N, C-alpha and C. Protein backbone atom coordinates (compact mmCIF):
# COMPACT_ATOMS: atom_id res chain seq x y z
N UNK A 1 88.10 109.01 104.72
CA UNK A 1 88.66 110.35 104.86
C UNK A 1 89.62 110.39 106.04
N UNK A 2 90.71 111.14 105.89
CA UNK A 2 91.67 111.30 106.98
C UNK A 2 91.91 112.79 107.19
N UNK A 3 92.17 113.15 108.46
CA UNK A 3 92.58 114.51 108.81
C UNK A 3 94.09 114.50 108.98
N UNK A 4 94.75 115.51 108.44
CA UNK A 4 96.21 115.53 108.35
C UNK A 4 96.77 116.79 108.98
N UNK A 5 97.83 116.62 109.79
CA UNK A 5 98.51 117.75 110.44
C UNK A 5 100.01 117.60 110.25
N UNK A 6 100.62 118.56 109.53
CA UNK A 6 102.06 118.53 109.30
C UNK A 6 102.81 119.24 110.42
N UNK A 7 104.08 118.85 110.59
CA UNK A 7 104.98 119.52 111.51
C UNK A 7 106.42 119.27 111.06
N UNK A 8 107.34 120.01 111.66
CA UNK A 8 108.75 119.78 111.39
C UNK A 8 109.42 120.78 110.47
N UNK A 9 108.65 121.71 109.94
CA UNK A 9 109.26 122.72 109.09
C UNK A 9 110.11 123.69 109.88
N UNK A 10 110.86 124.52 109.17
CA UNK A 10 111.70 125.50 109.84
C UNK A 10 112.69 126.13 108.89
N UNK A 11 113.66 126.82 109.48
CA UNK A 11 114.71 127.51 108.72
C UNK A 11 116.00 126.70 108.83
N UNK A 12 116.63 126.44 107.69
CA UNK A 12 117.86 125.65 107.69
C UNK A 12 118.79 126.21 106.62
N UNK A 13 120.08 126.04 106.82
CA UNK A 13 121.04 126.50 105.82
C UNK A 13 121.14 125.47 104.68
N UNK A 14 121.56 125.96 103.53
CA UNK A 14 121.78 125.07 102.40
C UNK A 14 122.73 123.95 102.79
N UNK A 15 122.40 122.73 102.36
CA UNK A 15 123.19 121.57 102.72
C UNK A 15 122.71 120.86 103.97
N UNK A 16 121.81 121.51 104.68
CA UNK A 16 121.29 120.94 105.92
C UNK A 16 120.16 119.95 105.69
N UNK A 17 119.57 119.49 106.79
CA UNK A 17 118.52 118.46 106.74
C UNK A 17 117.34 118.86 107.62
N UNK A 18 116.18 118.37 107.25
CA UNK A 18 114.98 118.49 108.05
C UNK A 18 114.16 117.22 107.87
N UNK A 19 113.36 116.88 108.88
CA UNK A 19 112.41 115.79 108.73
C UNK A 19 111.01 116.31 109.02
N UNK A 20 110.15 116.19 108.04
CA UNK A 20 108.76 116.58 108.19
C UNK A 20 107.94 115.37 108.63
N UNK A 21 106.91 115.65 109.42
CA UNK A 21 105.97 114.62 109.85
C UNK A 21 104.56 115.04 109.49
N UNK A 22 103.72 114.05 109.28
CA UNK A 22 102.32 114.31 109.01
C UNK A 22 101.51 113.29 109.79
N UNK A 23 100.82 113.77 110.83
CA UNK A 23 100.00 112.90 111.67
C UNK A 23 98.60 112.82 111.08
N UNK A 24 98.13 111.59 110.96
CA UNK A 24 96.81 111.36 110.36
C UNK A 24 95.85 110.79 111.38
N UNK A 25 94.63 111.21 111.32
CA UNK A 25 93.58 110.61 112.14
C UNK A 25 92.64 109.85 111.21
N UNK A 26 91.94 108.88 111.77
CA UNK A 26 91.09 108.06 110.92
C UNK A 26 91.66 106.66 110.78
N UNK A 27 90.79 105.68 110.63
CA UNK A 27 91.23 104.29 110.62
C UNK A 27 91.64 103.81 109.24
N UNK A 28 91.59 104.68 108.23
CA UNK A 28 91.88 104.25 106.87
C UNK A 28 93.30 104.56 106.42
N UNK A 29 94.15 105.08 107.34
CA UNK A 29 95.48 105.55 106.93
C UNK A 29 96.25 104.49 106.17
N UNK A 30 96.30 103.27 106.69
CA UNK A 30 97.16 102.27 106.09
C UNK A 30 96.73 101.90 104.68
N UNK A 31 95.50 102.12 104.33
CA UNK A 31 95.02 101.77 103.00
C UNK A 31 95.15 102.93 102.01
N UNK A 32 95.61 104.07 102.50
CA UNK A 32 95.73 105.25 101.66
C UNK A 32 97.11 105.37 101.05
N UNK A 33 97.17 105.89 99.84
CA UNK A 33 98.42 106.40 99.29
C UNK A 33 98.61 107.80 99.87
N UNK A 34 99.82 108.07 100.33
CA UNK A 34 100.13 109.35 100.97
C UNK A 34 101.23 110.05 100.19
N UNK A 35 101.15 111.36 100.17
CA UNK A 35 102.11 112.11 99.36
C UNK A 35 102.50 113.42 100.03
N UNK A 36 103.60 113.96 99.58
CA UNK A 36 104.04 115.31 99.93
C UNK A 36 104.03 116.14 98.65
N UNK A 37 103.47 117.34 98.79
CA UNK A 37 103.53 118.35 97.75
C UNK A 37 104.15 119.60 98.35
N UNK A 38 104.55 120.52 97.51
CA UNK A 38 105.08 121.79 98.01
C UNK A 38 104.66 122.91 97.09
N UNK A 39 104.60 124.10 97.67
CA UNK A 39 104.21 125.29 96.91
C UNK A 39 105.07 126.47 97.31
N UNK A 40 105.84 126.95 96.36
CA UNK A 40 106.67 128.13 96.57
C UNK A 40 105.86 129.37 96.20
N UNK A 41 106.22 130.54 96.72
CA UNK A 41 105.49 131.77 96.42
C UNK A 41 105.40 132.03 94.92
N UNK A 42 104.21 132.27 94.43
CA UNK A 42 104.01 132.58 93.03
C UNK A 42 104.05 131.39 92.10
N UNK A 43 104.15 130.19 92.68
CA UNK A 43 104.23 128.99 91.84
C UNK A 43 103.08 128.05 92.17
N UNK A 44 102.83 127.13 91.26
CA UNK A 44 101.81 126.13 91.50
C UNK A 44 102.32 125.06 92.47
N UNK A 45 101.35 124.41 93.13
CA UNK A 45 101.69 123.32 94.03
C UNK A 45 102.25 122.16 93.19
N UNK A 46 103.39 121.61 93.63
CA UNK A 46 104.02 120.56 92.84
C UNK A 46 104.26 119.31 93.68
N UNK A 47 104.29 118.19 92.98
CA UNK A 47 104.51 116.89 93.59
C UNK A 47 105.94 116.76 94.08
N UNK A 48 106.11 116.14 95.25
CA UNK A 48 107.44 115.88 95.79
C UNK A 48 107.69 114.37 95.86
N UNK A 49 106.81 113.65 96.56
CA UNK A 49 106.99 112.21 96.73
C UNK A 49 105.67 111.60 97.18
N UNK A 50 105.53 110.29 96.95
CA UNK A 50 104.33 109.57 97.38
C UNK A 50 104.70 108.15 97.74
N UNK A 51 103.86 107.53 98.58
CA UNK A 51 104.13 106.18 99.04
C UNK A 51 102.83 105.45 99.31
N UNK A 52 102.82 104.16 99.03
CA UNK A 52 101.68 103.31 99.31
C UNK A 52 102.19 102.02 99.95
N UNK A 53 101.48 101.52 100.93
CA UNK A 53 101.83 100.27 101.58
C UNK A 53 101.26 99.13 100.77
N UNK A 54 102.12 98.14 100.45
CA UNK A 54 101.68 97.01 99.65
C UNK A 54 101.43 95.76 100.45
N UNK A 55 101.46 95.88 101.78
CA UNK A 55 101.28 94.72 102.65
C UNK A 55 102.64 94.20 103.12
N UNK A 56 102.70 93.72 104.34
CA UNK A 56 103.95 93.22 104.89
C UNK A 56 105.00 94.32 104.93
N UNK A 57 106.17 94.02 104.33
CA UNK A 57 107.25 95.01 104.30
C UNK A 57 107.39 95.66 102.92
N UNK A 58 106.35 95.59 102.13
CA UNK A 58 106.37 96.12 100.77
C UNK A 58 105.79 97.53 100.71
N UNK A 59 106.54 98.43 100.13
CA UNK A 59 106.09 99.80 99.93
C UNK A 59 106.41 100.21 98.50
N UNK A 60 105.53 101.00 97.94
CA UNK A 60 105.75 101.56 96.61
C UNK A 60 105.93 103.06 96.77
N UNK A 61 107.00 103.60 96.22
CA UNK A 61 107.28 105.03 96.37
C UNK A 61 107.62 105.63 95.02
N UNK A 62 107.35 106.91 94.92
CA UNK A 62 107.66 107.66 93.70
C UNK A 62 108.16 109.04 94.13
N UNK A 63 109.08 109.58 93.35
CA UNK A 63 109.69 110.87 93.68
C UNK A 63 109.74 111.78 92.46
N UNK A 64 109.66 113.06 92.71
CA UNK A 64 109.95 114.04 91.67
C UNK A 64 111.44 114.00 91.36
N UNK A 65 111.79 114.24 90.12
CA UNK A 65 113.20 114.19 89.73
C UNK A 65 114.05 115.17 90.54
N UNK A 66 113.46 116.29 90.90
CA UNK A 66 114.21 117.34 91.58
C UNK A 66 114.65 116.95 92.99
N UNK A 67 114.04 115.90 93.57
CA UNK A 67 114.39 115.52 94.94
C UNK A 67 114.96 114.12 95.04
N UNK A 68 115.01 113.39 93.94
CA UNK A 68 115.55 112.02 93.98
C UNK A 68 116.98 112.02 94.49
N UNK A 69 117.26 111.09 95.41
CA UNK A 69 118.59 110.99 95.98
C UNK A 69 118.83 111.90 97.17
N UNK A 70 117.91 112.85 97.41
CA UNK A 70 118.05 113.77 98.54
C UNK A 70 116.93 113.59 99.56
N UNK A 71 115.73 113.30 99.10
CA UNK A 71 114.57 113.17 99.98
C UNK A 71 114.16 111.70 100.07
N UNK A 72 113.65 111.31 101.24
CA UNK A 72 113.13 109.97 101.43
C UNK A 72 111.76 110.04 102.10
N UNK A 73 110.77 109.44 101.47
CA UNK A 73 109.43 109.38 102.05
C UNK A 73 109.27 108.04 102.75
N UNK A 74 108.60 108.05 103.90
CA UNK A 74 108.35 106.82 104.63
C UNK A 74 107.05 106.98 105.41
N UNK A 75 106.57 105.88 105.95
CA UNK A 75 105.34 105.92 106.73
C UNK A 75 105.40 104.87 107.83
N UNK A 76 104.72 105.17 108.93
CA UNK A 76 104.57 104.24 110.03
C UNK A 76 103.07 104.03 110.21
N UNK A 77 102.57 102.92 109.70
CA UNK A 77 101.12 102.69 109.75
C UNK A 77 100.62 102.52 111.18
N UNK A 78 101.45 101.97 112.05
CA UNK A 78 101.05 101.78 113.45
C UNK A 78 100.83 103.12 114.15
N UNK A 79 101.58 104.13 113.72
CA UNK A 79 101.46 105.48 114.30
C UNK A 79 100.63 106.41 113.41
N UNK A 80 100.16 105.91 112.29
CA UNK A 80 99.40 106.73 111.34
C UNK A 80 100.14 108.02 111.02
N UNK A 81 101.41 107.88 110.72
CA UNK A 81 102.25 109.04 110.47
C UNK A 81 103.06 108.87 109.19
N UNK A 82 103.13 109.94 108.43
CA UNK A 82 103.92 110.03 107.21
C UNK A 82 105.13 110.91 107.47
N UNK A 83 106.26 110.57 106.87
CA UNK A 83 107.48 111.33 107.06
C UNK A 83 108.10 111.74 105.72
N UNK A 84 108.89 112.80 105.79
CA UNK A 84 109.71 113.18 104.65
C UNK A 84 111.07 113.62 105.19
N UNK A 85 112.08 112.79 104.98
CA UNK A 85 113.44 113.14 105.36
C UNK A 85 114.08 113.89 104.20
N UNK A 86 114.50 115.11 104.48
CA UNK A 86 115.07 115.97 103.44
C UNK A 86 116.52 116.26 103.77
N UNK A 87 117.43 115.81 102.92
CA UNK A 87 118.86 116.01 103.09
C UNK A 87 119.41 116.89 101.98
N UNK A 88 120.58 117.46 102.21
CA UNK A 88 121.23 118.29 101.22
C UNK A 88 120.26 119.32 100.65
N UNK A 89 119.60 120.04 101.54
CA UNK A 89 118.59 121.00 101.11
C UNK A 89 119.21 122.15 100.34
N UNK A 90 118.43 122.65 99.37
CA UNK A 90 118.86 123.74 98.52
C UNK A 90 117.89 124.92 98.67
N UNK A 91 118.31 126.13 98.38
CA UNK A 91 117.39 127.27 98.47
C UNK A 91 116.12 127.06 97.63
N UNK A 92 116.22 126.38 96.52
CA UNK A 92 115.03 126.14 95.68
C UNK A 92 114.05 125.15 96.29
N UNK A 93 114.41 124.54 97.42
CA UNK A 93 113.47 123.69 98.15
C UNK A 93 112.55 124.50 99.06
N UNK A 94 112.80 125.80 99.17
CA UNK A 94 111.98 126.66 100.02
C UNK A 94 110.55 126.68 99.51
N UNK A 95 109.61 126.34 100.40
CA UNK A 95 108.20 126.25 100.03
C UNK A 95 107.39 125.89 101.27
N UNK A 96 106.08 125.96 101.12
CA UNK A 96 105.17 125.35 102.10
C UNK A 96 104.96 123.90 101.66
N UNK A 97 105.18 122.99 102.57
CA UNK A 97 105.06 121.56 102.28
C UNK A 97 103.74 121.04 102.84
N UNK A 98 103.01 120.33 101.98
CA UNK A 98 101.71 119.78 102.35
C UNK A 98 101.73 118.26 102.24
N UNK A 99 101.08 117.59 103.18
CA UNK A 99 100.84 116.16 102.99
C UNK A 99 99.42 115.99 102.49
N UNK A 100 99.21 114.89 101.78
CA UNK A 100 97.92 114.64 101.15
C UNK A 100 97.68 113.14 101.08
N UNK A 101 96.41 112.75 101.04
CA UNK A 101 96.06 111.34 101.00
C UNK A 101 95.00 111.05 99.97
N UNK A 102 95.06 109.82 99.44
CA UNK A 102 94.06 109.36 98.50
C UNK A 102 93.90 107.85 98.66
N UNK A 103 92.67 107.35 98.50
CA UNK A 103 92.48 105.89 98.55
C UNK A 103 92.95 105.21 97.27
N UNK A 104 93.33 105.99 96.29
CA UNK A 104 93.76 105.44 95.00
C UNK A 104 95.25 105.10 95.01
N UNK A 105 95.75 104.73 93.85
CA UNK A 105 97.17 104.36 93.73
C UNK A 105 98.05 105.61 93.82
N UNK A 106 99.35 105.36 94.00
CA UNK A 106 100.33 106.44 94.02
C UNK A 106 100.28 107.20 92.69
N UNK A 107 100.24 108.50 92.78
CA UNK A 107 100.19 109.34 91.59
C UNK A 107 100.77 110.71 91.90
N UNK A 108 101.42 111.35 90.94
CA UNK A 108 101.91 112.71 91.14
C UNK A 108 100.85 113.78 90.88
N UNK A 109 99.65 113.37 90.51
CA UNK A 109 98.59 114.32 90.16
C UNK A 109 97.89 114.83 91.40
N UNK A 110 98.02 116.12 91.68
CA UNK A 110 97.45 116.65 92.93
C UNK A 110 95.93 116.57 92.94
N UNK A 111 95.31 116.55 91.77
CA UNK A 111 93.85 116.45 91.71
C UNK A 111 93.31 115.12 92.20
N UNK A 112 94.18 114.12 92.30
CA UNK A 112 93.74 112.80 92.74
C UNK A 112 93.65 112.69 94.25
N UNK A 113 94.20 113.68 94.95
CA UNK A 113 94.25 113.62 96.42
C UNK A 113 93.07 114.37 97.02
N UNK A 114 92.37 113.68 97.92
CA UNK A 114 91.16 114.24 98.51
C UNK A 114 91.40 114.99 99.81
N UNK A 115 92.39 114.56 100.55
CA UNK A 115 92.60 115.08 101.90
C UNK A 115 93.96 115.78 101.96
N UNK A 116 93.97 116.97 102.57
CA UNK A 116 95.16 117.81 102.64
C UNK A 116 95.35 118.35 104.04
N UNK A 117 96.61 118.50 104.42
CA UNK A 117 96.94 119.20 105.65
C UNK A 117 97.02 120.69 105.41
N UNK A 118 97.37 121.41 106.48
CA UNK A 118 97.41 122.88 106.40
C UNK A 118 98.75 123.40 105.92
N UNK A 119 99.76 122.55 105.90
CA UNK A 119 101.08 122.93 105.40
C UNK A 119 102.04 123.32 106.49
N UNK A 120 103.33 123.16 106.20
CA UNK A 120 104.40 123.59 107.10
C UNK A 120 105.48 124.25 106.26
N UNK A 121 105.98 125.38 106.75
CA UNK A 121 106.94 126.18 105.97
C UNK A 121 108.35 125.63 106.12
N UNK A 122 109.01 125.46 105.00
CA UNK A 122 110.44 125.11 104.96
C UNK A 122 111.16 126.23 104.24
N UNK A 123 112.17 126.80 104.92
CA UNK A 123 112.96 127.88 104.33
C UNK A 123 114.43 127.48 104.36
N UNK A 124 115.07 127.50 103.19
CA UNK A 124 116.47 127.13 103.08
C UNK A 124 117.26 128.36 102.68
N UNK A 125 118.18 128.76 103.53
CA UNK A 125 118.99 129.96 103.26
C UNK A 125 120.29 129.57 102.55
N UNK A 126 120.76 130.47 101.72
CA UNK A 126 121.99 130.19 100.96
C UNK A 126 123.22 130.66 101.70
């Protein structure tokens, strides 16, 4: 089990960038698949991106179609931290962003993730 705390959200204009961070506690971080989800008002929580460390310099990542080419997920196992670099932000990216972890493989299914942070708000103005 890992405890997760997100940070880095805020208000940005369309076309701008933000980098979210998720600090994890617990010694199992490097063996976990980590993901970002988001939830806009009145909508279900949706998958954004996920990443798993494959050993050495190997990482496996997956992205939602809506963010491919604009968002980049990364992780620093030495710092037990997950990141989400968001570029060319659009108003439809406005949501609360959550990080999540699972000991299983990378998956877009939110039900597979056991551990969740409290979320950080991202607001993109037009």
